[in-house]
C-alpha atoms as a PDB file:
ATOM      1  CA  MET A   1      29.052 123.939  14.813  1.00  0.00           C
ATOM      2  CA  LYS A   2      27.036 124.701  11.721  1.00  0.00           C
ATOM      3  CA  GLN A   3      24.179 125.591  14.069  1.00  0.00           C
ATOM      4  CA  ILE A   4      26.157 128.678  14.880  1.00  0.00           C
ATOM      5  CA  SER A   5      27.778 129.549  11.593  1.00  0.00           C
ATOM      6  CA  GLU A   6      28.260 127.909   8.156  1.00  0.00           C
ATOM      7  CA  THR A   7      31.853 128.994   8.266  1.00  0.00           C
ATOM      8  CA  PHE A   8      34.435 130.547  10.572  1.00  0.00           C
ATOM      9  CA  SER A   9      35.718 132.682   7.694  1.00  0.00           C
ATOM     10  CA  THR A  10      35.636 136.505   7.927  1.00  0.00           C
ATOM     11  CA  SER A  11      35.886 136.701   4.196  1.00  0.00           C
ATOM     12  CA  LYS A  12      33.427 138.613   1.896  1.00  0.00           C
ATOM     13  CA  GLY A  13      29.846 138.243   2.912  1.00  0.00           C
ATOM     14  CA  ALA A  14      30.664 136.851   6.430  1.00  0.00           C
ATOM     15  CA  GLN A  15      28.810 138.294   9.320  1.00  0.00           C
ATOM     16  CA  VAL A  16      28.504 137.815  13.028  1.00  0.00           C
ATOM     17  CA  PRO A  17      26.300 134.737  13.586  1.00  0.00           C
ATOM     18  CA  GLY A  18      22.814 135.526  14.691  1.00  0.00           C
ATOM     19  CA  LEU A  19      23.239 133.340  17.936  1.00  0.00           C
ATOM     20  CA  ILE A  20      26.039 135.597  18.985  1.00  0.00           C
ATOM     21  CA  LYS A  21      24.144 138.766  18.286  1.00  0.00           C
ATOM     22  CA  SER A  22      21.286 137.667  20.413  1.00  0.00           C
ATOM     23  CA  SER A  23      23.481 136.176  23.196  1.00  0.00           C
ATOM     24  CA  THR A  24      24.333 137.548  26.611  1.00  0.00           C
ATOM     25  CA  THR A  25      26.829 140.313  27.111  1.00  0.00           C
ATOM     26  CA  LYS A  26      29.373 137.812  28.465  1.00  0.00           C
ATOM     27  CA  ILE A  27      29.184 135.725  25.223  1.00  0.00           C
ATOM     28  CA  LYS A  28      29.413 138.844  23.047  1.00  0.00           C
ATOM     29  CA  ALA A  29      32.507 140.016  24.879  1.00  0.00           C
ATOM     30  CA  ALA A  30      34.151 136.563  24.420  1.00  0.00           C
ATOM     31  CA  PHE A  31      33.310 136.685  20.692  1.00  0.00           C
ATOM     32  CA  LEU A  32      34.938 140.169  20.443  1.00  0.00           C
ATOM     33  CA  ARG A  33      37.902 139.049  22.436  1.00  0.00           C
ATOM     34  CA  ALA A  34      38.436 136.190  20.025  1.00  0.00           C
ATOM     35  CA  PHE A  35      38.191 138.640  17.110  1.00  0.00           C
ATOM     36  CA  TRP A  36      40.684 140.988  18.663  1.00  0.00           C
ATOM     37  CA  ASP A  37      43.099 138.227  19.589  1.00  0.00           C
ATOM     38  CA  ASP A  38      43.092 136.987  16.035  1.00  0.00           C
ATOM     39  CA  GLU A  39      42.490 140.057  13.778  1.00  0.00           C
ATOM     40  CA  GLY A  40      43.261 142.986  16.013  1.00  0.00           C
ATOM     41  CA  CYS A  41      46.366 145.004  16.299  1.00  0.00           C
ATOM     42  CA  ILE A  42      47.716 147.893  18.346  1.00  0.00           C
ATOM     43  CA  SER A  43      49.972 150.368  16.577  1.00  0.00           C
ATOM     44  CA  ASP A  44      53.032 151.960  18.040  1.00  0.00           C
ATOM     45  CA  ARG A  45      50.940 155.076  18.327  1.00  0.00           C
ATOM     46  CA  GLY A  46      48.361 153.113  20.441  1.00  0.00           C
ATOM     47  CA  VAL A  47      45.687 152.886  17.743  1.00  0.00           C
ATOM     48  CA  LEU A  48      43.517 149.769  18.088  1.00  0.00           C
ATOM     49  CA  SER A  49      42.187 148.320  14.907  1.00  0.00           C
ATOM     50  CA  GLY A  50      40.998 144.993  13.429  1.00  0.00           C
ATOM     51  CA  THR A  51      40.323 143.990   9.884  1.00  0.00           C
ATOM     52  CA  SER A  52      38.103 141.868   7.740  1.00  0.00           C
ATOM     53  CA  SER A  53      37.384 141.520   4.049  1.00  0.00           C
ATOM     54  CA  SER A  54      33.676 141.489   4.932  1.00  0.00           C
ATOM     55  CA  GLU A  55      32.060 144.879   5.329  1.00  0.00           C
ATOM     56  CA  LYS A  56      28.971 143.151   7.036  1.00  0.00           C
ATOM     57  CA  MET A  57      31.329 141.577   9.673  1.00  0.00           C
ATOM     58  CA  VAL A  58      32.787 144.904  10.518  1.00  0.00           C
ATOM     59  CA  THR A  59      29.444 146.580  10.673  1.00  0.00           C
ATOM     60  CA  ASP A  60      28.077 143.837  12.951  1.00  0.00           C
ATOM     61  CA  LEU A  61      31.216 144.064  15.141  1.00  0.00           C
ATOM     62  CA  ILE A  62      30.850 147.801  15.567  1.00  0.00           C
ATOM     63  CA  LEU A  63      27.190 147.317  16.658  1.00  0.00           C
ATOM     64  CA  ILE A  64      28.191 144.801  19.310  1.00  0.00           C
ATOM     65  CA  HIS A  65      31.063 147.111  20.568  1.00  0.00           C
ATOM     66  CA  ASN A  66      28.542 149.853  20.784  1.00  0.00           C
ATOM     67  CA  GLU A  67      26.147 147.716  22.880  1.00  0.00           C
ATOM     68  CA  LEU A  68      29.057 147.240  25.327  1.00  0.00           C
ATOM     69  CA  GLY A  69      29.700 150.988  25.524  1.00  0.00           C
ATOM     70  CA  ILE A  70      32.744 150.948  23.230  1.00  0.00           C
ATOM     71  CA  GLU A  71      32.928 153.504  20.466  1.00  0.00           C
ATOM     72  CA  CYS A  72      34.486 152.502  17.199  1.00  0.00           C
ATOM     73  CA  TYR A  73      34.190 153.274  13.445  1.00  0.00           C
ATOM     74  CA  LYS A  74      34.786 151.730  10.075  1.00  0.00           C
ATOM     75  CA  GLU A  75      37.485 152.650   7.608  1.00  0.00           C
ATOM     76  CA  VAL A  76      37.606 151.306   4.091  1.00  0.00           C
ATOM     77  CA  VAL A  77      41.056 150.615   2.578  1.00  0.00           C
ATOM     78  CA  ARG A  78      40.950 150.071  -1.186  1.00  0.00           C
ATOM     79  CA  GLN A  79      43.671 148.847  -3.410  1.00  0.00           C
ATOM     80  CA  PRO A  80      43.406 147.988  -7.190  1.00  0.00           C
ATOM     81  CA  THR A  81      42.914 144.331  -6.447  1.00  0.00           C
ATOM     82  CA  TRP A  82      41.420 144.195  -2.999  1.00  0.00           C
ATOM     83  CA  THR A  83      39.409 146.051  -0.391  1.00  0.00           C
ATOM     84  CA  ILE A  84      39.515 145.520   3.451  1.00  0.00           C
ATOM     85  CA  PHE A  85      37.445 147.063   6.196  1.00  0.00           C
ATOM     86  CA  ARG A  86      39.023 148.228   9.427  1.00  0.00           C
ATOM     87  CA  LEU A  87      37.224 148.592  12.786  1.00  0.00           C
ATOM     88  CA  VAL A  88      39.006 151.330  14.657  1.00  0.00           C
ATOM     89  CA  LEU A  89      38.492 152.169  18.380  1.00  0.00           C
ATOM     90  CA  ARG A  90      37.993 155.688  19.273  1.00  0.00           C
ATOM     91  CA  ARG A  91      40.874 156.999  21.342  1.00  0.00           C
ATOM     92  CA  ASN A  92      39.721 158.400  24.649  1.00  0.00           C
ATOM     93  CA  ARG A  93      40.211 157.405  28.261  1.00  0.00           C
ATOM     94  CA  GLU A  94      36.632 156.113  28.879  1.00  0.00           C
ATOM     95  CA  ASN A  95      36.680 154.043  25.666  1.00  0.00           C
ATOM     96  CA  PHE A  96      40.089 152.462  26.399  1.00  0.00           C
ATOM     97  CA  ASN A  97      38.884 151.712  29.972  1.00  0.00           C
ATOM     98  CA  ASN A  98      35.745 150.014  28.602  1.00  0.00           C
ATOM     99  CA  PHE A  99      37.722 148.026  26.108  1.00  0.00           C
ATOM    100  CA  ILE A 100      40.308 146.923  28.641  1.00  0.00           C
ATOM    101  CA  THR A 101      37.713 145.872  31.230  1.00  0.00           C
ATOM    102  CA  LYS A 102      35.082 144.394  29.012  1.00  0.00           C
ATOM    103  CA  ILE A 103      37.010 142.759  26.092  1.00  0.00           C
ATOM    104  CA  GLY A 104      40.777 143.264  26.150  1.00  0.00           C
ATOM    105  CA  PHE A 105      43.196 140.832  24.737  1.00  0.00           C
ATOM    106  CA  GLU A 106      43.718 137.343  26.093  1.00  0.00           C
ATOM    107  CA  HIS A 107      46.481 135.339  24.477  1.00  0.00           C
ATOM    108  CA  ALA A 108      47.354 137.441  21.480  1.00  0.00           C
ATOM    109  CA  ILE A 109      50.931 138.183  20.556  1.00  0.00           C
ATOM    110  CA  VAL A 110      52.218 140.940  18.274  1.00  0.00           C
ATOM    111  CA  THR A 111      53.576 139.419  15.029  1.00  0.00           C
ATOM    112  CA  LYS A 112      54.793 142.374  13.190  1.00  0.00           C
ATOM    113  CA  GLY A 113      56.462 145.724  13.813  1.00  0.00           C
ATOM    114  CA  TYR A 114      58.269 147.263  16.738  1.00  0.00           C
ATOM    115  CA  HIS A 115      56.574 145.210  19.519  1.00  0.00           C
ATOM    116  CA  VAL A 116      56.946 141.800  17.764  1.00  0.00           C
ATOM    117  CA  GLY A 117      56.803 138.980  20.352  1.00  0.00           C
ATOM    118  CA  LYS A 118      55.150 141.039  23.044  1.00  0.00           C
ATOM    119  CA  TYR A 119      51.600 140.249  24.258  1.00  0.00           C
ATOM    120  CA  LYS A 120      49.107 142.692  22.813  1.00  0.00           C
ATOM    121  CA  SER A 121      47.573 143.160  26.293  1.00  0.00           C
ATOM    122  CA  ASP A 122      50.998 144.470  27.527  1.00  0.00           C
ATOM    123  CA  VAL A 123      51.456 146.827  24.596  1.00  0.00           C
ATOM    124  CA  LEU A 124      47.904 148.090  25.085  1.00  0.00           C
ATOM    125  CA  LEU A 125      48.615 148.886  28.705  1.00  0.00           C
ATOM    126  CA  GLU A 126      51.903 150.532  27.936  1.00  0.00           C
ATOM    127  CA  LYS A 127      50.328 152.746  25.304  1.00  0.00           C
ATOM    128  CA  TYR A 128      47.354 153.495  27.435  1.00  0.00           C
ATOM    129  CA  THR A 129      49.429 154.450  30.458  1.00  0.00           C
ATOM    130  CA  GLN A 130      51.733 156.685  28.269  1.00  0.00           C
ATOM    131  CA  LYS A 131      48.638 158.636  27.172  1.00  0.00           C
ATOM    132  CA  TYR A 132      46.455 158.414  30.250  1.00  0.00           C
ATOM    133  CA  VAL A 133      47.832 158.095  33.766  1.00  0.00           C
ATOM    134  CA  ILE A 134      45.817 155.280  35.415  1.00  0.00           C
END
């Protein structure tokens, strides 16, 4: 596994492995799906975001999303003792369609908040269909 990455950590300094960046679209989508399943969340307002303590990781993830036609941006959340970086999906019909069809969630379950215990994919479709009639 060290051929791909020295670590699976998304802590400070981590980045998307070069092998993933130069892979096929299918592999990039699988990598992003794993990120979203693990680090992603969908708010009760339907905002999709994922976090990392590595700014480079979030920057790399944004570039891969863009390659797949999915628009997102970075937010920086600073506290006195820590900083995290959020990848946030732009909220529009085409972008949500692209996310659902190209990446989506696979096995992820909501662990906090109003939708705790539900599959993230179900919450996403619920929020999506409330905003946009499919």
